[in-house]
Amino acid sequence: MSIDIELYGIARRRAGRPVVTIPTNGPVLLATVLAYLAAEYPELATECFEGNGLKDGYVISVNGERFVRDPSVALNKDSSLLLMSSDAGG
């Protein structure tokens, strides 16, 4: 099982790729996903993350159904995430 994170705009440029896949065995916290991204893509972390959460101006869409920012949100093992700046949607 895995969680796919699509990256848009600045996040994509900083990571140098459009999608990151994180292997999982079960539900994980958003903070865990962000920590993984920060370890793998330091430039992305510098631009988009603050502490164990997102900087102001960035959001995560979960399965295209809701936006989250709280690092304590639990994500299902097959979640599809989208990381983008909150103004990217127009």
Protein backbone atom coordinates (compact mmCIF):
# COMPACT_ATOMS: atom_id res chain seq x y z
CA MET A 1 0.00 0.00 0.00
CA SER A 2 1.10 3.57 -0.54
CA ILE A 3 0.16 7.22 -0.37
CA ASP A 4 0.66 9.28 -3.52
CA ILE A 5 1.38 12.98 -3.17
CA GLU A 6 0.95 15.13 -6.26
CA LEU A 7 2.95 18.35 -6.16
CA TYR A 8 1.92 21.54 -7.93
CA GLY A 9 3.52 24.91 -8.55
CA ILE A 10 6.40 25.83 -6.27
CA ALA A 11 6.20 22.49 -4.45
CA ARG A 12 6.80 20.63 -7.73
CA ARG A 13 9.71 22.89 -8.66
CA ARG A 14 11.37 22.46 -5.27
CA ALA A 15 11.02 18.66 -5.29
CA GLY A 16 11.91 18.37 -8.97
CA ARG A 17 9.13 15.87 -9.62
CA PRO A 18 5.35 15.86 -10.01
CA VAL A 19 4.48 12.89 -7.76
CA VAL A 20 6.02 11.26 -4.69
CA THR A 21 4.89 7.83 -3.49
CA ILE A 22 5.30 6.88 0.16
CA PRO A 23 4.98 3.19 1.08
CA THR A 24 2.70 2.51 4.05
CA ASN A 25 1.38 -0.46 5.98
CA GLY A 26 -1.59 1.34 7.44
CA PRO A 27 -2.94 4.77 8.34
CA VAL A 28 -0.36 7.51 8.92
CA LEU A 29 -0.49 11.04 10.24
CA LEU A 30 -0.05 14.01 7.93
CA ALA A 31 2.96 14.93 10.09
CA THR A 32 4.59 11.61 9.11
CA VAL A 33 4.02 12.31 5.42
CA LEU A 34 5.48 15.80 5.75
CA ALA A 35 8.50 14.47 7.68
CA TYR A 36 9.16 11.95 4.89
CA LEU A 37 8.94 14.68 2.26
CA ALA A 38 11.20 16.98 4.29
CA ALA A 39 13.86 14.27 4.63
CA GLU A 40 13.76 13.39 0.91
CA TYR A 41 13.33 16.92 -0.49
CA PRO A 42 14.92 19.56 1.77
CA GLU A 43 14.26 22.40 -0.68
CA LEU A 44 10.58 21.51 -0.65
CA ALA A 45 10.58 21.56 3.16
CA THR A 46 12.29 24.96 3.30
CA GLU A 47 9.68 26.47 1.01
CA CYS A 48 6.48 24.72 2.15
CA PHE A 49 6.84 23.38 5.71
CA GLU A 50 7.17 24.92 9.14
CA GLY A 51 7.90 22.67 12.10
CA ASN A 52 5.85 19.51 11.55
CA GLY A 53 3.16 21.33 9.54
CA LEU A 54 2.56 23.43 6.47
CA LYS A 55 3.56 27.06 6.12
CA ASP A 56 0.78 29.58 5.70
CA GLY A 57 -0.33 29.62 2.09
CA TYR A 58 -0.02 25.85 1.51
CA VAL A 59 -2.73 23.19 1.71
CA ILE A 60 -3.13 19.46 1.22
CA SER A 61 -6.16 18.06 -0.58
CA VAL A 62 -7.09 14.54 0.53
CA ASN A 63 -8.65 12.41 -2.21
CA GLY A 64 -10.05 15.56 -3.81
CA GLU A 65 -12.66 15.68 -1.04
CA ARG A 66 -11.28 18.01 1.63
CA PHE A 67 -8.41 20.33 2.44
CA VAL A 68 -6.30 19.75 5.55
CA ARG A 69 -3.47 21.56 7.31
CA ASP A 70 -3.49 19.90 10.74
CA PRO A 71 -0.44 17.59 11.10
CA SER A 72 -2.43 15.29 13.43
CA VAL A 73 -4.92 14.33 10.68
CA ALA A 74 -4.88 10.56 10.05
CA LEU A 75 -4.63 9.47 6.41
CA ASN A 76 -5.74 6.11 5.06
CA LYS A 77 -3.11 3.84 3.56
CA ASP A 78 -4.38 4.42 0.01
CA SER A 79 -4.92 8.17 0.23
CA SER A 80 -4.15 10.41 -2.70
CA LEU A 81 -2.82 13.82 -1.67
CA LEU A 82 -2.26 17.06 -3.52
CA LEU A 83 0.17 19.64 -2.12
CA MET A 84 -0.21 23.14 -3.52
CA SER A 85 -0.25 26.78 -2.58
CA SER A 86 -3.70 27.85 -1.42
CA ASP A 87 -3.93 30.44 -4.20
CA ALA A 88 -3.07 27.98 -6.99
CA GLY A 89 -6.70 27.09 -7.56
CA GLY A 90 -7.62 30.59 -8.69
